[in-house]
């Protein structure tokens, strides 16, 4: 290798190390948003494994799989209505995605009051979803559904249902706390020095991911 080529090669390596050691932003993406995307990617793998496991268990079960229209039905005014609670829960999460998107919009407009209020509304919707899920669990438990048994059919139903919906409900609960904390910090002016409310979009990425996962759970557990 010639002397000039060696010098240029060293400059390239030195420049690369210098960029990264100086906390240079790759592709001009803020680190907070990049880290959230990486976290969501890892969470995607976890939920994918759970849902694929559910499909394998269901297709390989020897006993008949419970009929979702019967298991998740409610008695209202003497009428047997299938999936009504699940429909309400799904509507609530879809609505919360709308309020979260509006919060991000107002965050970029630097209207901190509207952004914070919409985030709190989103958190409230998420809290109501968790409450309905707790009611759904208590109903199934009172009817004899357990992780190790199930009076409606295949024993594996209880284990996979409580695991997947519980894991998703845990994510929603964490999201409610996360959104509430960020909204309160916005109202207190903790992000004034930064001059932007990018944290609202980062929180929104998490919330939209949680909503998207529910779409797959809804399709596989309640409609299949």
C-alpha atoms as a PDB file:
ATOM      1  CA  UNK A   1       0.000   0.000   0.000  1.00  0.00           C
ATOM      2  CA  UNK A   2       1.372   3.403  -0.909  1.00  0.00           C
ATOM      3  CA  UNK A   3       2.055   6.080   1.709  1.00  0.00           C
ATOM      4  CA  UNK A   4      -0.790   8.378   0.552  1.00  0.00           C
ATOM      5  CA  UNK A   5      -3.271   5.484   0.509  1.00  0.00           C
ATOM      6  CA  UNK A   6      -2.265   4.525   4.055  1.00  0.00           C
ATOM      7  CA  UNK A   7      -2.755   8.119   5.233  1.00  0.00           C
ATOM      8  CA  UNK A   8      -6.216   8.376   3.653  1.00  0.00           C
ATOM      9  CA  UNK A   9      -7.213   5.001   5.119  1.00  0.00           C
ATOM     10  CA  UNK A  10      -6.208   6.080   8.610  1.00  0.00           C
ATOM     11  CA  UNK A  11      -8.062   9.360   8.192  1.00  0.00           C
ATOM     12  CA  UNK A  12     -11.205   7.417   7.296  1.00  0.00           C
ATOM     13  CA  UNK A  13     -11.007   5.174  10.340  1.00  0.00           C
ATOM     14  CA  UNK A  14     -10.103   8.097  12.584  1.00  0.00           C
ATOM     15  CA  UNK A  15     -12.995  10.134  11.223  1.00  0.00           C
ATOM     16  CA  UNK A  16     -15.439   7.274  11.775  1.00  0.00           C
ATOM     17  CA  UNK A  17     -14.307   6.842  15.395  1.00  0.00           C
ATOM     18  CA  UNK A  18     -14.421  10.586  15.937  1.00  0.00           C
ATOM     19  CA  UNK A  19     -18.011  10.834  14.655  1.00  0.00           C
ATOM     20  CA  UNK A  20     -19.288   8.064  16.902  1.00  0.00           C
ATOM     21  CA  UNK A  21     -17.333   9.138  19.971  1.00  0.00           C
ATOM     22  CA  UNK A  22     -18.750  12.670  19.531  1.00  0.00           C
ATOM     23  CA  UNK A  23     -22.297  11.232  19.816  1.00  0.00           C
ATOM     24  CA  UNK A  24     -23.000  11.938  16.177  1.00  0.00           C
ATOM     25  CA  UNK A  25     -26.619  11.205  15.144  1.00  0.00           C
ATOM     26  CA  UNK A  26     -26.759   8.562  12.428  1.00  0.00           C
ATOM     27  CA  UNK A  27     -29.110   9.507   9.566  1.00  0.00           C
ATOM     28  CA  UNK A  28     -30.066  12.598  11.570  1.00  0.00           C
ATOM     29  CA  UNK A  29     -32.466  10.606  13.796  1.00  0.00           C
ATOM     30  CA  UNK A  30     -32.591  11.731  17.458  1.00  0.00           C
ATOM     31  CA  UNK A  31     -31.281   9.110  19.850  1.00  0.00           C
ATOM     32  CA  UNK A  32     -34.489   9.038  21.886  1.00  0.00           C
ATOM     33  CA  UNK A  33     -36.580   8.143  18.862  1.00  0.00           C
ATOM     34  CA  UNK A  34     -34.006   5.634  17.605  1.00  0.00           C
ATOM     35  CA  UNK A  35     -33.917   3.859  20.962  1.00  0.00           C
ATOM     36  CA  UNK A  36     -37.721   3.673  21.036  1.00  0.00           C
ATOM     37  CA  UNK A  37     -37.744   2.106  17.565  1.00  0.00           C
ATOM     38  CA  UNK A  38     -35.139  -0.456  18.684  1.00  0.00           C
ATOM     39  CA  UNK A  39     -37.205  -1.282  21.767  1.00  0.00           C
ATOM     40  CA  UNK A  40     -40.368  -1.665  19.687  1.00  0.00           C
ATOM     41  CA  UNK A  41     -38.520  -3.920  17.239  1.00  0.00           C
ATOM     42  CA  UNK A  42     -37.462  -6.204  20.095  1.00  0.00           C
ATOM     43  CA  UNK A  43     -41.007  -6.184  21.473  1.00  0.00           C
ATOM     44  CA  UNK A  44     -42.308  -7.100  18.023  1.00  0.00           C
ATOM     45  CA  UNK A  45     -40.231 -10.277  18.153  1.00  0.00           C
ATOM     46  CA  UNK A  46     -41.641 -11.154  21.592  1.00  0.00           C
ATOM     47  CA  UNK A  47     -45.277 -10.653  20.570  1.00  0.00           C
ATOM     48  CA  UNK A  48     -44.658 -12.495  17.300  1.00  0.00           C
ATOM     49  CA  UNK A  49     -43.328 -15.500  19.216  1.00  0.00           C
ATOM     50  CA  UNK A  50     -46.376 -15.438  21.511  1.00  0.00           C
ATOM     51  CA  UNK A  51     -48.867 -15.213  18.655  1.00  0.00           C
ATOM     52  CA  UNK A  52     -47.115 -17.848  16.544  1.00  0.00           C
ATOM     53  CA  UNK A  53     -47.026 -20.075  19.630  1.00  0.00           C
ATOM     54  CA  UNK A  54     -50.753 -19.495  20.077  1.00  0.00           C
ATOM     55  CA  UNK A  55     -51.473 -20.537  16.486  1.00  0.00           C
ATOM     56  CA  UNK A  56     -49.329 -23.668  16.842  1.00  0.00           C
ATOM     57  CA  UNK A  57     -51.021 -24.625  20.121  1.00  0.00           C
ATOM     58  CA  UNK A  58     -54.479 -24.047  18.712  1.00  0.00           C
ATOM     59  CA  UNK A  59     -53.908 -26.030  15.523  1.00  0.00           C
ATOM     60  CA  UNK A  60     -52.281 -28.907  17.408  1.00  0.00           C
ATOM     61  CA  UNK A  61     -54.845 -29.107  20.237  1.00  0.00           C
ATOM     62  CA  UNK A  62     -56.593 -32.477  20.475  1.00  0.00           C
ATOM     63  CA  UNK A  63     -59.736 -31.154  22.179  1.00  0.00           C
ATOM     64  CA  UNK A  64     -62.076 -28.688  20.494  1.00  0.00           C
ATOM     65  CA  UNK A  65     -61.067 -25.037  20.822  1.00  0.00           C
ATOM     66  CA  UNK A  66     -63.645 -22.863  22.645  1.00  0.00           C
ATOM     67  CA  UNK A  67     -66.055 -20.833  20.533  1.00  0.00           C
ATOM     68  CA  UNK A  68     -65.106 -17.179  21.053  1.00  0.00           C
ATOM     69  CA  UNK A  69     -68.674 -15.989  20.416  1.00  0.00           C
ATOM     70  CA  UNK A  70     -69.831 -18.028  23.400  1.00  0.00           C
ATOM     71  CA  UNK A  71     -66.877 -17.608  25.757  1.00  0.00           C
ATOM     72  CA  UNK A  72     -66.657 -13.821  25.356  1.00  0.00           C
ATOM     73  CA  UNK A  73     -70.391 -13.095  25.276  1.00  0.00           C
ATOM     74  CA  UNK A  74     -72.273 -10.984  27.826  1.00  0.00           C
ATOM     75  CA  UNK A  75     -75.837 -11.171  29.073  1.00  0.00           C
ATOM     76  CA  UNK A  76     -77.398  -7.710  28.664  1.00  0.00           C
ATOM     77  CA  UNK A  77     -81.102  -7.183  29.395  1.00  0.00           C
ATOM     78  CA  UNK A  78     -81.681 -10.897  29.017  1.00  0.00           C
ATOM     79  CA  UNK A  79     -79.988 -11.045  25.628  1.00  0.00           C
ATOM     80  CA  UNK A  80     -76.880 -13.097  24.861  1.00  0.00           C
ATOM     81  CA  UNK A  81     -74.612 -10.661  22.953  1.00  0.00           C
ATOM     82  CA  UNK A  82     -71.310 -12.086  21.606  1.00  0.00           C
ATOM     83  CA  UNK A  83     -68.074 -10.088  21.709  1.00  0.00           C
ATOM     84  CA  UNK A  84     -69.763  -6.843  22.795  1.00  0.00           C
ATOM     85  CA  UNK A  85     -67.145  -6.114  25.475  1.00  0.00           C
ATOM     86  CA  UNK A  86     -64.296  -6.867  23.077  1.00  0.00           C
ATOM     87  CA  UNK A  87     -65.829  -4.541  20.472  1.00  0.00           C
ATOM     88  CA  UNK A  88     -65.979  -1.729  23.029  1.00  0.00           C
ATOM     89  CA  UNK A  89     -62.381  -2.360  24.112  1.00  0.00           C
ATOM     90  CA  UNK A  90     -61.213  -2.281  20.492  1.00  0.00           C
ATOM     91  CA  UNK A  91     -63.125   0.945  19.826  1.00  0.00           C
ATOM     92  CA  UNK A  92     -61.516   2.538  22.893  1.00  0.00           C
ATOM     93  CA  UNK A  93     -57.993   1.662  21.759  1.00  0.00           C
ATOM     94  CA  UNK A  94     -58.618   2.895  18.204  1.00  0.00           C
ATOM     95  CA  UNK A  95     -59.999   6.148  19.631  1.00  0.00           C
ATOM     96  CA  UNK A  96     -56.941   6.492  21.853  1.00  0.00           C
ATOM     97  CA  UNK A  97     -54.722   6.280  18.769  1.00  0.00           C
ATOM     98  CA  UNK A  98     -56.601   9.274  17.373  1.00  0.00           C
ATOM     99  CA  UNK A  99     -56.188  11.350  20.534  1.00  0.00           C
ATOM    100  CA  UNK A 100     -52.502  10.399  20.677  1.00  0.00           C
ATOM    101  CA  UNK A 101     -51.976  11.490  17.064  1.00  0.00           C
ATOM    102  CA  UNK A 102     -53.631  14.816  17.871  1.00  0.00           C
ATOM    103  CA  UNK A 103     -51.359  15.200  20.905  1.00  0.00           C
ATOM    104  CA  UNK A 104     -48.295  14.725  18.684  1.00  0.00           C
ATOM    105  CA  UNK A 105     -49.649  17.326  16.257  1.00  0.00           C
ATOM    106  CA  UNK A 106     -50.130  19.904  19.004  1.00  0.00           C
ATOM    107  CA  UNK A 107     -46.752  18.993  20.463  1.00  0.00           C
ATOM    108  CA  UNK A 108     -45.013  19.978  17.246  1.00  0.00           C
ATOM    109  CA  UNK A 109     -47.052  23.171  17.229  1.00  0.00           C
ATOM    110  CA  UNK A 110     -45.628  23.789  20.739  1.00  0.00           C
ATOM    111  CA  UNK A 111     -49.128  24.031  22.172  1.00  0.00           C
ATOM    112  CA  UNK A 112     -48.190  22.280  25.387  1.00  0.00           C
ATOM    113  CA  UNK A 113     -51.577  22.610  27.071  1.00  0.00           C
ATOM    114  CA  UNK A 114     -53.558  20.866  24.319  1.00  0.00           C
ATOM    115  CA  UNK A 115     -50.820  18.260  23.840  1.00  0.00           C
ATOM    116  CA  UNK A 116     -50.790  17.417  27.548  1.00  0.00           C
ATOM    117  CA  UNK A 117     -54.594  17.297  27.822  1.00  0.00           C
ATOM    118  CA  UNK A 118     -54.859  14.956  24.834  1.00  0.00           C
ATOM    119  CA  UNK A 119     -52.167  12.727  26.314  1.00  0.00           C
ATOM    120  CA  UNK A 120     -54.105  12.553  29.573  1.00  0.00           C
ATOM    121  CA  UNK A 121     -57.276  11.702  27.626  1.00  0.00           C
ATOM    122  CA  UNK A 122     -55.316   8.938  25.854  1.00  0.00           C
ATOM    123  CA  UNK A 123     -54.096   7.647  29.219  1.00  0.00           C
ATOM    124  CA  UNK A 124     -57.655   7.694  30.547  1.00  0.00           C
ATOM    125  CA  UNK A 125     -58.867   5.668  27.565  1.00  0.00           C
ATOM    126  CA  UNK A 126     -56.041   3.208  28.137  1.00  0.00           C
ATOM    127  CA  UNK A 127     -56.979   2.932  31.806  1.00  0.00           C
ATOM    128  CA  UNK A 128     -60.583   2.156  30.875  1.00  0.00           C
ATOM    129  CA  UNK A 129     -59.310  -0.553  28.504  1.00  0.00           C
ATOM    130  CA  UNK A 130     -57.302  -2.151  31.314  1.00  0.00           C
ATOM    131  CA  UNK A 131     -60.357  -1.984  33.587  1.00  0.00           C
ATOM    132  CA  UNK A 132     -62.480  -3.769  30.987  1.00  0.00           C
ATOM    133  CA  UNK A 133     -59.784  -6.376  30.511  1.00  0.00           C
ATOM    134  CA  UNK A 134     -59.744  -6.969  34.285  1.00  0.00           C
ATOM    135  CA  UNK A 135     -63.533  -7.449  34.131  1.00  0.00           C
ATOM    136  CA  UNK A 136     -63.112  -9.910  31.253  1.00  0.00           C
ATOM    137  CA  UNK A 137     -60.521 -11.884  33.222  1.00  0.00           C
ATOM    138  CA  UNK A 138     -62.684 -11.973  36.365  1.00  0.00           C
ATOM    139  CA  UNK A 139     -65.655 -13.222  34.298  1.00  0.00           C
ATOM    140  CA  UNK A 140     -63.629 -16.047  32.758  1.00  0.00           C
ATOM    141  CA  UNK A 141     -62.101 -16.997  36.105  1.00  0.00           C
ATOM    142  CA  UNK A 142     -65.543 -17.092  37.733  1.00  0.00           C
ATOM    143  CA  UNK A 143     -66.649 -19.456  34.939  1.00  0.00           C
ATOM    144  CA  UNK A 144     -63.792 -21.838  35.705  1.00  0.00           C
ATOM    145  CA  UNK A 145     -61.168 -20.863  33.131  1.00  0.00           C
ATOM    146  CA  UNK A 146     -57.650 -21.360  34.504  1.00  0.00           C
ATOM    147  CA  UNK A 147     -54.141 -21.506  32.999  1.00  0.00           C
ATOM    148  CA  UNK A 148     -54.207 -25.266  33.666  1.00  0.00           C
ATOM    149  CA  UNK A 149     -57.821 -25.989  32.721  1.00  0.00           C
ATOM    150  CA  UNK A 150     -60.846 -24.842  30.788  1.00  0.00           C
ATOM    151  CA  UNK A 151     -64.481 -26.016  30.992  1.00  0.00           C
ATOM    152  CA  UNK A 152     -65.223 -24.749  27.464  1.00  0.00           C
ATOM    153  CA  UNK A 153     -62.828 -27.037  25.608  1.00  0.00           C
ATOM    154  CA  UNK A 154     -59.064 -27.369  25.132  1.00  0.00           C
ATOM    155  CA  UNK A 155     -57.076 -26.924  28.347  1.00  0.00           C
ATOM    156  CA  UNK A 156     -54.405 -24.880  26.546  1.00  0.00           C
ATOM    157  CA  UNK A 157     -56.888 -22.051  25.965  1.00  0.00           C
ATOM    158  CA  UNK A 158     -56.606 -20.593  29.454  1.00  0.00           C
ATOM    159  CA  UNK A 159     -52.803 -20.642  29.561  1.00  0.00           C
ATOM    160  CA  UNK A 160     -52.262 -18.977  26.176  1.00  0.00           C
ATOM    161  CA  UNK A 161     -55.115 -16.501  26.643  1.00  0.00           C
ATOM    162  CA  UNK A 162     -53.985 -15.223  30.045  1.00  0.00           C
ATOM    163  CA  UNK A 163     -50.349 -15.073  28.938  1.00  0.00           C
ATOM    164  CA  UNK A 164     -50.847 -13.100  25.714  1.00  0.00           C
ATOM    165  CA  UNK A 165     -53.641 -10.754  26.844  1.00  0.00           C
ATOM    166  CA  UNK A 166     -51.908 -10.289  30.198  1.00  0.00           C
ATOM    167  CA  UNK A 167     -48.639  -9.339  28.517  1.00  0.00           C
ATOM    168  CA  UNK A 168     -50.474  -6.861  26.292  1.00  0.00           C
ATOM    169  CA  UNK A 169     -52.430  -5.483  29.241  1.00  0.00           C
ATOM    170  CA  UNK A 170     -49.137  -4.977  31.075  1.00  0.00           C
ATOM    171  CA  UNK A 171     -47.875  -2.919  28.125  1.00  0.00           C
ATOM    172  CA  UNK A 172     -51.048  -0.814  28.143  1.00  0.00           C
ATOM    173  CA  UNK A 173     -50.693  -0.234  31.899  1.00  0.00           C
ATOM    174  CA  UNK A 174     -47.056   0.877  31.486  1.00  0.00           C
ATOM    175  CA  UNK A 175     -48.167   3.130  28.618  1.00  0.00           C
ATOM    176  CA  UNK A 176     -50.839   4.772  30.781  1.00  0.00           C
ATOM    177  CA  UNK A 177     -48.239   5.584  33.447  1.00  0.00           C
ATOM    178  CA  UNK A 178     -45.743   6.751  30.815  1.00  0.00           C
ATOM    179  CA  UNK A 179     -48.221   9.080  29.092  1.00  0.00           C
ATOM    180  CA  UNK A 180     -49.444  10.519  32.391  1.00  0.00           C
ATOM    181  CA  UNK A 181     -45.890  11.279  33.558  1.00  0.00           C
ATOM    182  CA  UNK A 182     -44.929  12.925  30.256  1.00  0.00           C
ATOM    183  CA  UNK A 183     -48.158  14.979  30.209  1.00  0.00           C
ATOM    184  CA  UNK A 184     -47.573  16.242  33.754  1.00  0.00           C
ATOM    185  CA  UNK A 185     -43.954  17.120  32.954  1.00  0.00           C
ATOM    186  CA  UNK A 186     -45.146  19.043  29.866  1.00  0.00           C
ATOM    187  CA  UNK A 187     -47.618  21.057  31.946  1.00  0.00           C
ATOM    188  CA  UNK A 188     -44.869  21.828  34.461  1.00  0.00           C
ATOM    189  CA  UNK A 189     -42.635  23.158  31.677  1.00  0.00           C
ATOM    190  CA  UNK A 190     -39.885  20.544  31.975  1.00  0.00           C
ATOM    191  CA  UNK A 191     -39.326  20.558  28.207  1.00  0.00           C
ATOM    192  CA  UNK A 192     -39.262  24.334  27.721  1.00  0.00           C
ATOM    193  CA  UNK A 193     -35.455  24.472  27.694  1.00  0.00           C
ATOM    194  CA  UNK A 194     -35.264  21.914  24.864  1.00  0.00           C
ATOM    195  CA  UNK A 195     -37.506  24.105  22.724  1.00  0.00           C
ATOM    196  CA  UNK A 196     -39.499  21.164  21.339  1.00  0.00           C
ATOM    197  CA  UNK A 197     -41.851  18.420  22.459  1.00  0.00           C
ATOM    198  CA  UNK A 198     -40.339  15.513  20.582  1.00  0.00           C
ATOM    199  CA  UNK A 199     -40.996  13.365  23.649  1.00  0.00           C
ATOM    200  CA  UNK A 200     -44.685  13.433  22.693  1.00  0.00           C
ATOM    201  CA  UNK A 201     -43.941  11.719  19.391  1.00  0.00           C
ATOM    202  CA  UNK A 202     -41.687   9.166  21.118  1.00  0.00           C
ATOM    203  CA  UNK A 203     -44.475   8.337  23.584  1.00  0.00           C
ATOM    204  CA  UNK A 204     -46.872   8.186  20.638  1.00  0.00           C
ATOM    205  CA  UNK A 205     -44.727   5.568  18.906  1.00  0.00           C
ATOM    206  CA  UNK A 206     -45.067   3.302  21.932  1.00  0.00           C
ATOM    207  CA  UNK A 207     -48.811   3.830  22.198  1.00  0.00           C
ATOM    208  CA  UNK A 208     -49.486   3.208  18.504  1.00  0.00           C
ATOM    209  CA  UNK A 209     -47.445   0.009  18.737  1.00  0.00           C
ATOM    210  CA  UNK A 210     -49.580  -1.214  21.650  1.00  0.00           C
ATOM    211  CA  UNK A 211     -52.728  -0.453  19.645  1.00  0.00           C
ATOM    212  CA  UNK A 212     -51.383  -2.257  16.576  1.00  0.00           C
ATOM    213  CA  UNK A 213     -50.572  -5.374  18.586  1.00  0.00           C
ATOM    214  CA  UNK A 214     -54.157  -5.425  19.875  1.00  0.00           C
ATOM    215  CA  UNK A 215     -55.425  -5.594  16.275  1.00  0.00           C
ATOM    216  CA  UNK A 216     -53.568  -8.906  15.825  1.00  0.00           C
ATOM    217  CA  UNK A 217     -54.721 -10.221  19.206  1.00  0.00           C
ATOM    218  CA  UNK A 218     -58.300  -9.248  18.373  1.00  0.00           C
ATOM    219  CA  UNK A 219     -58.158 -10.993  15.006  1.00  0.00           C
ATOM    220  CA  UNK A 220     -56.524 -14.194  16.251  1.00  0.00           C
ATOM    221  CA  UNK A 221     -58.195 -14.669  19.646  1.00  0.00           C
ATOM    222  CA  UNK A 222     -61.689 -13.287  19.098  1.00  0.00           C
ATOM    223  CA  UNK A 223     -62.427 -13.608  15.380  1.00  0.00           C
ATOM    224  CA  UNK A 224     -60.634 -16.840  14.476  1.00  0.00           C
END
